[in-house]
Protein backbone atom coordinates (compact mmCIF):
# COMPACT_ATOMS: atom_id res chain seq x y z
CA MET A 1 4.42 30.93 -27.11
CA SER A 2 5.79 29.87 -23.72
CA ASP A 3 8.27 27.06 -23.24
CA PRO A 4 6.26 23.81 -22.67
CA LYS A 5 8.96 22.55 -20.30
CA ALA A 6 8.64 25.54 -17.97
CA MET A 7 6.62 25.13 -14.82
CA ASN A 8 3.77 27.57 -14.22
CA LEU A 9 4.72 29.38 -11.02
CA ARG A 10 1.59 31.47 -10.54
CA PHE A 11 0.36 31.59 -6.98
CA PRO A 12 -3.05 32.97 -6.02
CA ASP A 13 -1.68 33.85 -2.58
CA PRO A 14 1.16 36.42 -2.71
CA GLU A 15 2.26 35.46 0.81
CA GLN A 16 2.66 31.84 -0.27
CA ARG A 17 4.76 32.91 -3.25
CA ALA A 18 6.92 35.11 -1.05
CA ALA A 19 7.46 32.30 1.46
CA ILE A 20 8.47 29.85 -1.28
CA ALA A 21 10.72 32.43 -2.93
CA ALA A 22 12.43 33.13 0.40
CA ALA A 23 12.92 29.41 1.09
CA ALA A 24 14.32 28.83 -2.41
CA LYS A 25 16.68 31.80 -2.03
CA GLN A 26 17.85 30.46 1.35
CA GLU A 27 18.58 27.08 -0.28
CA GLY A 28 20.32 28.79 -3.18
CA VAL A 29 18.10 27.28 -5.88
CA SER A 30 15.41 28.51 -8.26
CA MET A 31 11.78 28.43 -7.18
CA GLN A 32 11.10 25.73 -9.75
CA GLU A 33 13.92 23.54 -8.43
CA TYR A 34 12.83 24.15 -4.84
CA ILE A 35 9.22 23.16 -5.58
CA LEU A 36 10.27 20.07 -7.54
CA SER A 37 12.66 19.02 -4.77
CA ALA A 38 9.91 19.42 -2.17
CA ALA A 39 7.50 17.38 -4.29
CA TYR A 40 10.12 14.66 -4.75
CA ALA A 41 10.85 14.58 -1.00
CA ARG A 42 7.15 14.24 -0.23
CA ALA A 43 6.70 11.46 -2.80
CA THR A 44 9.67 9.49 -1.49
CA ALA A 45 8.38 9.86 2.08
CA VAL A 46 5.06 8.37 0.99
CA GLU A 47 6.92 5.58 -0.80
CA GLU A 48 8.98 4.83 2.31
CA ARG A 49 5.85 4.61 4.48
CA PHE A 50 4.28 2.25 1.95
CA LEU A 51 7.37 0.04 1.87
CA GLU A 52 7.53 -0.08 5.67
CA GLY A 53 3.90 -1.20 5.78
CA PHE A 54 4.53 -3.74 3.05
CA LYS A 55 7.55 -5.18 4.92
CA THR A 56 5.47 -5.45 8.09
CA SER A 57 2.73 -7.23 6.15
CA MET A 58 5.24 -9.61 4.58
CA ALA A 59 6.68 -10.41 8.01
CA ARG A 60 3.19 -11.24 9.33
CA SER A 61 2.46 -13.41 6.30
CA GLY A 62 5.81 -15.17 6.64
CA ALA A 63 5.09 -15.87 10.29
CA ALA A 64 1.71 -17.36 9.41
CA PHE A 65 3.21 -19.63 6.77
CA SER A 66 6.05 -20.74 9.01
CA ALA A 67 3.73 -21.61 11.91
CA GLU A 68 3.57 -25.19 13.10
CA PRO A 69 1.22 -27.23 10.92
CA SER A 70 -0.83 -28.25 13.95
CA MET A 71 -1.59 -24.58 14.62
CA VAL A 72 -2.81 -23.88 11.10
CA ASP A 73 -4.02 -27.20 9.68
CA PRO A 74 -7.05 -28.99 11.07
CA SER A 75 -6.43 -32.26 12.85
CA ALA A 76 -6.91 -35.57 11.06
CA GLU A 77 -10.13 -36.12 13.03
CA GLN A 78 -11.47 -32.71 12.02
CA ARG A 79 -10.63 -33.34 8.35
CA ALA A 80 -12.37 -36.73 8.50
CA ALA A 81 -15.47 -35.16 10.09
CA GLU A 82 -15.54 -32.45 7.42
CA GLN A 83 -15.24 -35.04 4.64
CA GLU A 84 -18.03 -37.12 6.19
CA ALA A 85 -20.26 -34.04 6.45
CA ARG A 86 -19.51 -33.18 2.82
CA ARG A 87 -20.45 -36.72 1.72
CA GLU A 88 -23.71 -36.53 3.68
CA LEU A 89 -24.59 -33.19 2.08
CA GLU A 90 -23.83 -34.51 -1.39
CA HIS A 91 -25.92 -37.63 -0.69
CA GLN A 92 -28.83 -35.49 0.54
CA GLY A 93 -28.55 -33.30 -2.54
CA ARG A 94 -28.81 -36.30 -4.85
CA GLY A 95 -31.79 -37.64 -2.90
CA ASN A 96 -33.68 -34.36 -3.22
CA ALA A 97 -32.98 -34.08 -6.94
CA ALA A 98 -34.49 -37.51 -7.70
């Protein structure tokens, strides 16, 4: 029975296998180590792109939360008008239900 820790290094394309073997030999590592290192490098590159996007998103969110209240919050007059409209809708709803 084969070692369960060993990586299956079968390649359907002999040219692909030869290219990877040559690259591993040039690096002075086994094919398994070369493939695992390449996979790790690709995964960390994806992680770095994600983290860059996340930092950008956090910066935008921080800017929105640190904006002047007058830019984000409605004015006192607008809040009063919204409350009045809400009261009128509630009053109409009670009138229709009766």
